[in-house]
Amino acid sequence: MGWECPCGASNTENHLKCRACNTPVDKALAIAAGKQPERPPLLPIVTTHAMEGFTIQAYRGIVTAEIVMGIHMFKDLGAGLRDIFGGRSGGYQDELRKGKVLALQELSAAAREEGANAVVGASLDYEAGLGNMLMIVAKGTAVTIERTPQSSGAP
């Protein structure tokens, strides 16, 4: 007995990931059942080298997340018209927002895999690829933080 992925590929029961799109079996079955798989909450992610009120206990390493997205043909057509006539491309802006969220989710997951509970020094880079492709790279340093005890009294 096998399982069918939402992408349409048939897989054997021995496949833990879809052979066509690499989606894990539990996520694929949840999507097929009309449920979104649960995502753990994002870890704290900051662009600074430290977090106010917290002390870095351990540095776990550099973490990255790469997202490559295709832009829908009609969104690209709308952006081309706006390029001629002026204005903002809502379609591209929506895709950039979605890509940013996905990149931060994957960055958080990568940090969690390293045993971290936060990411410091984070940054996002955006690149337009060939054709209608968009690449977003998120990077930062995975760290373990603890709340700094509040001092009681004046110095």
N, C-alpha and C. Protein backbone atom coordinates (compact mmCIF):
# COMPACT_ATOMS: atom_id res chain seq x y z
N MET A 1 0.85 -1.19 0.00
CA MET A 1 0.00 0.00 0.00
C MET A 1 0.89 1.24 0.00
N GLY A 2 0.62 2.17 -0.87
CA GLY A 2 1.41 3.38 -0.97
C GLY A 2 0.60 4.61 -0.59
N TRP A 3 1.12 5.76 -0.93
CA TRP A 3 0.44 7.02 -0.66
C TRP A 3 0.66 7.96 -1.84
N GLU A 4 -0.31 8.84 -2.02
CA GLU A 4 -0.22 9.81 -3.11
C GLU A 4 0.01 11.20 -2.53
N CYS A 5 1.00 11.87 -3.08
CA CYS A 5 1.36 13.22 -2.64
C CYS A 5 0.42 14.23 -3.31
N PRO A 6 0.18 15.39 -2.69
CA PRO A 6 -0.63 16.43 -3.33
C PRO A 6 -0.06 16.89 -4.68
N CYS A 7 1.24 16.65 -4.93
CA CYS A 7 1.81 17.02 -6.22
C CYS A 7 1.38 16.05 -7.32
N GLY A 8 0.75 14.92 -6.93
CA GLY A 8 0.26 13.94 -7.89
C GLY A 8 1.10 12.69 -8.01
N ALA A 9 2.28 12.67 -7.40
CA ALA A 9 3.16 11.51 -7.50
C ALA A 9 2.69 10.39 -6.59
N SER A 10 2.77 9.16 -7.09
CA SER A 10 2.47 7.98 -6.28
C SER A 10 3.76 7.49 -5.66
N ASN A 11 3.69 7.11 -4.39
CA ASN A 11 4.87 6.67 -3.65
C ASN A 11 4.57 5.35 -2.96
N THR A 12 5.59 4.55 -2.72
CA THR A 12 5.41 3.30 -1.98
C THR A 12 5.43 3.62 -0.50
N GLU A 13 4.99 2.66 0.32
CA GLU A 13 4.98 2.89 1.77
C GLU A 13 6.39 3.03 2.32
N ASN A 14 7.40 2.58 1.57
CA ASN A 14 8.78 2.71 2.02
C ASN A 14 9.33 4.12 1.86
N HIS A 15 8.68 4.94 1.03
CA HIS A 15 9.13 6.31 0.82
C HIS A 15 8.73 7.18 2.01
N LEU A 16 9.70 7.79 2.66
CA LEU A 16 9.41 8.73 3.74
C LEU A 16 9.23 10.14 3.22
N LYS A 17 9.68 10.37 1.98
CA LYS A 17 9.49 11.64 1.29
C LYS A 17 9.00 11.35 -0.10
N CYS A 18 8.24 12.29 -0.67
CA CYS A 18 7.75 12.13 -2.03
C CYS A 18 8.93 12.05 -2.98
N ARG A 19 8.88 11.09 -3.88
CA ARG A 19 10.00 10.93 -4.81
C ARG A 19 10.04 12.03 -5.86
N ALA A 20 8.93 12.74 -6.04
CA ALA A 20 8.88 13.80 -7.05
C ALA A 20 9.20 15.18 -6.48
N CYS A 21 8.59 15.52 -5.34
CA CYS A 21 8.76 16.89 -4.81
C CYS A 21 9.48 16.95 -3.47
N ASN A 22 9.85 15.78 -2.91
CA ASN A 22 10.62 15.70 -1.66
C ASN A 22 9.84 16.13 -0.42
N THR A 23 8.50 16.21 -0.50
CA THR A 23 7.68 16.55 0.66
C THR A 23 7.64 15.36 1.61
N PRO A 24 7.88 15.57 2.92
CA PRO A 24 7.79 14.47 3.87
C PRO A 24 6.40 13.86 3.88
N VAL A 25 6.31 12.54 4.12
CA VAL A 25 5.04 11.82 4.04
C VAL A 25 4.00 12.39 5.00
N ASP A 26 4.39 12.72 6.24
CA ASP A 26 3.40 13.22 7.21
C ASP A 26 2.81 14.55 6.76
N LYS A 27 3.63 15.41 6.20
CA LYS A 27 3.15 16.70 5.70
C LYS A 27 2.25 16.49 4.49
N ALA A 28 2.66 15.61 3.58
CA ALA A 28 1.87 15.34 2.36
C ALA A 28 0.49 14.78 2.72
N LEU A 29 0.44 13.85 3.66
CA LEU A 29 -0.84 13.25 4.05
C LEU A 29 -1.73 14.27 4.77
N ALA A 30 -1.12 15.15 5.56
CA ALA A 30 -1.90 16.19 6.25
C ALA A 30 -2.50 17.15 5.22
N ILE A 31 -1.71 17.54 4.22
CA ILE A 31 -2.21 18.44 3.18
C ILE A 31 -3.33 17.77 2.40
N ALA A 32 -3.13 16.48 2.06
CA ALA A 32 -4.15 15.73 1.31
C ALA A 32 -5.45 15.63 2.09
N ALA A 33 -5.34 15.59 3.41
CA ALA A 33 -6.53 15.51 4.26
C ALA A 33 -7.15 16.89 4.50
N GLY A 34 -6.58 17.91 3.89
CA GLY A 34 -7.13 19.26 4.04
C GLY A 34 -6.67 19.97 5.29
N LYS A 35 -5.64 19.47 5.94
CA LYS A 35 -5.11 20.09 7.15
C LYS A 35 -3.72 20.63 6.85
N GLN A 36 -3.41 21.76 7.43
CA GLN A 36 -2.06 22.28 7.32
C GLN A 36 -1.24 21.68 8.46
N PRO A 37 -0.06 21.13 8.16
CA PRO A 37 0.76 20.58 9.24
C PRO A 37 1.17 21.67 10.22
N GLU A 38 1.28 21.29 11.46
CA GLU A 38 1.66 22.25 12.50
C GLU A 38 3.11 22.66 12.32
N ARG A 39 3.36 23.95 12.40
CA ARG A 39 4.73 24.47 12.36
C ARG A 39 5.07 24.98 13.74
N PRO A 40 6.26 24.65 14.23
CA PRO A 40 6.63 25.23 15.52
C PRO A 40 6.76 26.74 15.38
N PRO A 41 6.56 27.48 16.45
CA PRO A 41 6.68 28.94 16.36
C PRO A 41 8.11 29.34 16.00
N LEU A 42 8.22 30.50 15.35
CA LEU A 42 9.54 31.00 14.99
C LEU A 42 10.36 31.28 16.24
N LEU A 43 11.64 30.97 16.15
CA LEU A 43 12.55 31.38 17.21
C LEU A 43 12.73 32.90 17.11
N PRO A 44 13.17 33.55 18.18
CA PRO A 44 13.50 34.97 18.04
C PRO A 44 14.63 35.13 17.02
N ILE A 45 14.42 36.02 16.05
CA ILE A 45 15.41 36.29 15.01
C ILE A 45 15.63 37.80 14.98
N VAL A 46 16.89 38.22 15.20
CA VAL A 46 17.19 39.65 15.22
C VAL A 46 18.37 39.95 14.31
N THR A 47 18.44 41.19 13.83
CA THR A 47 19.54 41.61 12.96
C THR A 47 20.76 42.07 13.74
N THR A 48 20.60 42.30 15.02
CA THR A 48 21.71 42.78 15.86
C THR A 48 22.54 41.60 16.35
N HIS A 49 23.70 41.89 16.95
CA HIS A 49 24.59 40.83 17.43
C HIS A 49 24.21 40.34 18.82
N ALA A 50 23.25 40.97 19.46
CA ALA A 50 22.81 40.57 20.79
C ALA A 50 21.32 40.90 20.93
N MET A 51 20.71 40.39 22.00
CA MET A 51 19.30 40.68 22.28
C MET A 51 19.21 41.31 23.67
N GLU A 52 18.62 42.49 23.72
CA GLU A 52 18.51 43.18 24.99
C GLU A 52 17.73 42.34 25.99
N GLY A 53 18.25 42.24 27.21
CA GLY A 53 17.60 41.46 28.26
C GLY A 53 17.97 39.98 28.24
N PHE A 54 18.86 39.58 27.32
CA PHE A 54 19.27 38.19 27.21
C PHE A 54 20.79 38.11 27.11
N THR A 55 21.34 37.01 27.57
CA THR A 55 22.76 36.74 27.47
C THR A 55 22.95 35.53 26.56
N ILE A 56 23.90 35.64 25.64
CA ILE A 56 24.21 34.50 24.78
C ILE A 56 25.04 33.51 25.59
N GLN A 57 24.55 32.30 25.70
CA GLN A 57 25.23 31.24 26.45
C GLN A 57 26.14 30.40 25.56
N ALA A 58 25.73 30.20 24.29
CA ALA A 58 26.53 29.38 23.37
C ALA A 58 26.24 29.80 21.93
N TYR A 59 27.28 29.77 21.14
CA TYR A 59 27.15 30.00 19.70
C TYR A 59 27.09 28.62 19.03
N ARG A 60 26.04 28.39 18.26
CA ARG A 60 25.82 27.07 17.64
C ARG A 60 26.26 26.99 16.19
N GLY A 61 26.58 28.12 15.58
CA GLY A 61 27.07 28.11 14.21
C GLY A 61 26.23 28.96 13.28
N ILE A 62 26.72 29.11 12.07
CA ILE A 62 26.03 29.88 11.03
C ILE A 62 24.92 29.01 10.46
N VAL A 63 23.75 29.60 10.29
CA VAL A 63 22.62 28.89 9.68
C VAL A 63 22.13 29.70 8.48
N THR A 64 21.66 28.98 7.47
CA THR A 64 21.15 29.63 6.26
C THR A 64 19.86 28.95 5.82
N ALA A 65 19.10 29.66 5.03
CA ALA A 65 17.91 29.11 4.39
C ALA A 65 17.82 29.73 3.01
N GLU A 66 17.61 28.91 2.01
CA GLU A 66 17.53 29.38 0.63
C GLU A 66 16.16 29.04 0.08
N ILE A 67 15.49 30.02 -0.48
CA ILE A 67 14.18 29.84 -1.08
C ILE A 67 14.29 30.27 -2.55
N VAL A 68 13.89 29.40 -3.44
CA VAL A 68 13.83 29.74 -4.86
C VAL A 68 12.38 29.59 -5.28
N MET A 69 11.80 30.67 -5.78
CA MET A 69 10.38 30.68 -6.12
C MET A 69 10.19 31.09 -7.57
N GLY A 70 9.23 30.49 -8.21
CA GLY A 70 8.83 30.91 -9.53
C GLY A 70 7.71 31.94 -9.41
N ILE A 71 7.76 32.96 -10.22
CA ILE A 71 6.72 33.99 -10.22
C ILE A 71 5.72 33.63 -11.31
N HIS A 72 4.47 33.66 -10.95
CA HIS A 72 3.37 33.33 -11.86
C HIS A 72 3.42 34.20 -13.11
N MET A 73 3.18 33.62 -14.26
CA MET A 73 3.25 34.32 -15.54
C MET A 73 2.40 35.60 -15.56
N PHE A 74 1.19 35.53 -15.00
CA PHE A 74 0.30 36.70 -15.05
C PHE A 74 0.77 37.80 -14.11
N LYS A 75 1.39 37.42 -12.99
CA LYS A 75 1.97 38.43 -12.11
C LYS A 75 3.11 39.13 -12.83
N ASP A 76 3.89 38.35 -13.59
CA ASP A 76 5.01 38.91 -14.35
C ASP A 76 4.49 39.86 -15.42
N LEU A 77 3.40 39.50 -16.08
CA LEU A 77 2.79 40.35 -17.09
C LEU A 77 2.31 41.66 -16.47
N GLY A 78 1.66 41.57 -15.31
CA GLY A 78 1.19 42.77 -14.61
C GLY A 78 2.34 43.66 -14.21
N ALA A 79 3.45 43.05 -13.77
CA ALA A 79 4.62 43.84 -13.39
C ALA A 79 5.21 44.54 -14.61
N GLY A 80 5.19 43.86 -15.76
CA GLY A 80 5.69 44.48 -16.99
C GLY A 80 4.88 45.69 -17.38
N LEU A 81 3.56 45.60 -17.23
CA LEU A 81 2.70 46.74 -17.54
C LEU A 81 2.95 47.89 -16.58
N ARG A 82 3.16 47.58 -15.31
CA ARG A 82 3.43 48.64 -14.34
C ARG A 82 4.79 49.28 -14.62
N ASP A 83 5.72 48.49 -15.16
CA ASP A 83 7.03 49.03 -15.53
C ASP A 83 6.86 50.09 -16.63
N ILE A 84 5.92 49.86 -17.54
CA ILE A 84 5.67 50.80 -18.63
C ILE A 84 4.89 52.01 -18.13
N PHE A 85 3.83 51.76 -17.37
CA PHE A 85 2.92 52.84 -16.97
C PHE A 85 3.20 53.41 -15.58
N GLY A 86 4.06 52.77 -14.83
CA GLY A 86 4.37 53.23 -13.48
C GLY A 86 3.47 52.57 -12.45
N GLY A 87 3.88 52.60 -11.20
CA GLY A 87 3.09 52.01 -10.11
C GLY A 87 3.83 50.85 -9.48
N ARG A 88 3.20 50.28 -8.47
CA ARG A 88 3.79 49.18 -7.72
C ARG A 88 3.20 47.86 -8.19
N SER A 89 4.01 46.81 -8.13
CA SER A 89 3.55 45.49 -8.53
C SER A 89 3.12 44.70 -7.30
N GLY A 90 1.82 44.68 -7.06
CA GLY A 90 1.28 43.96 -5.91
C GLY A 90 1.59 42.48 -5.97
N GLY A 91 1.58 41.89 -7.17
CA GLY A 91 1.88 40.46 -7.32
C GLY A 91 3.28 40.12 -6.86
N TYR A 92 4.26 40.91 -7.29
CA TYR A 92 5.64 40.67 -6.86
C TYR A 92 5.79 40.92 -5.37
N GLN A 93 5.15 41.96 -4.86
CA GLN A 93 5.26 42.26 -3.43
C GLN A 93 4.71 41.11 -2.60
N ASP A 94 3.59 40.53 -3.02
CA ASP A 94 3.02 39.39 -2.31
C ASP A 94 3.99 38.21 -2.32
N GLU A 95 4.60 37.95 -3.47
CA GLU A 95 5.54 36.83 -3.57
C GLU A 95 6.77 37.09 -2.70
N LEU A 96 7.25 38.33 -2.67
CA LEU A 96 8.39 38.66 -1.80
C LEU A 96 8.05 38.43 -0.33
N ARG A 97 6.85 38.84 0.08
CA ARG A 97 6.43 38.63 1.46
C ARG A 97 6.36 37.14 1.80
N LYS A 98 5.74 36.36 0.89
CA LYS A 98 5.65 34.91 1.11
C LYS A 98 7.04 34.29 1.21
N GLY A 99 7.92 34.70 0.31
CA GLY A 99 9.28 34.17 0.32
C GLY A 99 10.03 34.52 1.59
N LYS A 100 9.83 35.75 2.07
CA LYS A 100 10.50 36.17 3.31
C LYS A 100 10.02 35.31 4.48
N VAL A 101 8.72 35.09 4.57
CA VAL A 101 8.17 34.27 5.66
C VAL A 101 8.73 32.85 5.58
N LEU A 102 8.75 32.26 4.38
CA LEU A 102 9.29 30.91 4.22
C LEU A 102 10.77 30.86 4.61
N ALA A 103 11.54 31.86 4.19
CA ALA A 103 12.97 31.88 4.51
C ALA A 103 13.19 31.97 6.01
N LEU A 104 12.42 32.81 6.70
CA LEU A 104 12.57 32.94 8.15
C LEU A 104 12.12 31.66 8.86
N GLN A 105 11.08 31.00 8.36
CA GLN A 105 10.66 29.72 8.95
C GLN A 105 11.76 28.68 8.81
N GLU A 106 12.38 28.61 7.63
CA GLU A 106 13.44 27.63 7.42
C GLU A 106 14.69 27.99 8.22
N LEU A 107 14.99 29.28 8.36
CA LEU A 107 16.13 29.71 9.17
C LEU A 107 15.91 29.30 10.62
N SER A 108 14.70 29.51 11.10
CA SER A 108 14.35 29.12 12.47
C SER A 108 14.50 27.61 12.65
N ALA A 109 14.02 26.84 11.68
CA ALA A 109 14.12 25.38 11.76
C ALA A 109 15.58 24.93 11.74
N ALA A 110 16.40 25.57 10.92
CA ALA A 110 17.83 25.22 10.85
C ALA A 110 18.51 25.51 12.18
N ALA A 111 18.18 26.64 12.80
CA ALA A 111 18.75 26.98 14.11
C ALA A 111 18.31 25.98 15.17
N ARG A 112 17.04 25.60 15.13
CA ARG A 112 16.51 24.63 16.09
C ARG A 112 17.25 23.28 15.95
N GLU A 113 17.55 22.89 14.72
CA GLU A 113 18.30 21.64 14.48
C GLU A 113 19.70 21.69 15.08
N GLU A 114 20.26 22.88 15.20
CA GLU A 114 21.59 23.05 15.79
C GLU A 114 21.53 23.15 17.32
N GLY A 115 20.33 23.06 17.89
CA GLY A 115 20.17 23.15 19.33
C GLY A 115 20.06 24.57 19.85
N ALA A 116 19.79 25.52 18.96
CA ALA A 116 19.70 26.93 19.34
C ALA A 116 18.27 27.29 19.72
N ASN A 117 18.13 28.41 20.42
CA ASN A 117 16.80 28.94 20.72
C ASN A 117 16.63 30.38 20.24
N ALA A 118 17.58 30.86 19.40
CA ALA A 118 17.48 32.20 18.80
C ALA A 118 18.48 32.32 17.66
N VAL A 119 18.31 33.36 16.84
CA VAL A 119 19.24 33.67 15.76
C VAL A 119 19.59 35.15 15.87
N VAL A 120 20.89 35.44 15.89
CA VAL A 120 21.35 36.84 15.92
C VAL A 120 22.09 37.13 14.62
N GLY A 121 22.26 38.43 14.33
CA GLY A 121 23.00 38.84 13.13
C GLY A 121 22.33 38.40 11.84
N ALA A 122 21.01 38.31 11.85
CA ALA A 122 20.28 37.80 10.69
C ALA A 122 20.22 38.84 9.57
N SER A 123 20.20 38.33 8.34
CA SER A 123 20.00 39.21 7.18
C SER A 123 19.28 38.43 6.09
N LEU A 124 18.63 39.17 5.21
CA LEU A 124 17.92 38.60 4.06
C LEU A 124 18.49 39.22 2.80
N ASP A 125 18.76 38.37 1.82
CA ASP A 125 19.21 38.83 0.51
C ASP A 125 18.22 38.36 -0.53
N TYR A 126 17.91 39.23 -1.49
CA TYR A 126 16.97 38.92 -2.56
C TYR A 126 17.71 39.00 -3.89
N GLU A 127 17.46 38.04 -4.76
CA GLU A 127 18.06 38.03 -6.10
C GLU A 127 17.00 37.63 -7.11
N ALA A 128 17.00 38.30 -8.24
CA ALA A 128 16.14 37.89 -9.36
C ALA A 128 16.95 36.95 -10.21
N GLY A 129 16.38 35.78 -10.50
CA GLY A 129 17.09 34.79 -11.28
C GLY A 129 16.68 34.82 -12.74
N LEU A 130 17.01 33.78 -13.45
CA LEU A 130 16.65 33.68 -14.86
C LEU A 130 15.15 33.56 -15.01
N GLY A 131 14.62 34.19 -16.00
CA GLY A 131 13.19 34.09 -16.25
C GLY A 131 12.40 34.68 -15.10
N ASN A 132 11.48 33.90 -14.57
CA ASN A 132 10.58 34.37 -13.52
C ASN A 132 10.95 33.82 -12.15
N MET A 133 12.23 33.61 -11.90
CA MET A 133 12.66 33.03 -10.64
C MET A 133 13.11 34.11 -9.66
N LEU A 134 12.83 33.88 -8.40
CA LEU A 134 13.21 34.78 -7.32
C LEU A 134 13.91 33.95 -6.26
N MET A 135 15.08 34.39 -5.80
CA MET A 135 15.81 33.68 -4.76
C MET A 135 15.92 34.57 -3.54
N ILE A 136 15.62 33.98 -2.38
CA ILE A 136 15.74 34.68 -1.11
C ILE A 136 16.64 33.84 -0.21
N VAL A 137 17.69 34.47 0.33
CA VAL A 137 18.61 33.79 1.23
C VAL A 137 18.55 34.49 2.58
N ALA A 138 18.28 33.69 3.62
CA ALA A 138 18.31 34.19 4.99
C ALA A 138 19.52 33.57 5.68
N LYS A 139 20.23 34.36 6.46
CA LYS A 139 21.38 33.82 7.17
C LYS A 139 21.53 34.51 8.51
N GLY A 140 22.20 33.83 9.42
CA GLY A 140 22.42 34.38 10.75
C GLY A 140 23.24 33.41 11.58
N THR A 141 23.43 33.74 12.84
CA THR A 141 24.17 32.90 13.77
C THR A 141 23.19 32.30 14.77
N ALA A 142 23.16 30.98 14.83
CA ALA A 142 22.30 30.28 15.78
C ALA A 142 22.96 30.35 17.16
N VAL A 143 22.18 30.73 18.16
CA VAL A 143 22.71 30.87 19.52
C VAL A 143 21.73 30.30 20.54
N THR A 144 22.27 30.01 21.71
CA THR A 144 21.45 29.66 22.86
C THR A 144 21.49 30.87 23.80
N ILE A 145 20.30 31.37 24.14
CA ILE A 145 20.23 32.56 24.99
C ILE A 145 19.49 32.23 26.29
N GLU A 146 19.76 33.03 27.30
CA GLU A 146 19.02 32.98 28.56
C GLU A 146 18.70 34.40 28.97
N ARG A 147 17.54 34.55 29.62
CA ARG A 147 17.16 35.88 30.11
C ARG A 147 18.16 36.34 31.15
N THR A 148 18.60 37.59 31.03
CA THR A 148 19.53 38.18 31.99
C THR A 148 18.79 38.49 33.28
N PRO A 149 19.30 38.05 34.44
CA PRO A 149 18.62 38.38 35.69
C PRO A 149 18.61 39.89 35.92
N GLN A 150 17.49 40.38 36.40
CA GLN A 150 17.36 41.81 36.69
C GLN A 150 18.09 42.12 38.00
N SER A 151 18.88 43.20 37.99
CA SER A 151 19.57 43.58 39.21
C SER A 151 18.58 44.30 40.13
N SER A 152 18.75 44.08 41.41
CA SER A 152 17.84 44.74 42.36
C SER A 152 18.62 45.79 43.13
N GLY A 153 18.31 47.02 42.85
CA GLY A 153 18.96 48.11 43.57
C GLY A 153 19.85 48.93 42.67
N ALA A 154 20.29 50.07 43.19
CA ALA A 154 21.14 50.97 42.43
C ALA A 154 22.58 50.50 42.51
N PRO A 155 23.40 50.92 41.57
CA PRO A 155 24.82 50.51 41.58
C PRO A 155 25.58 51.05 42.74
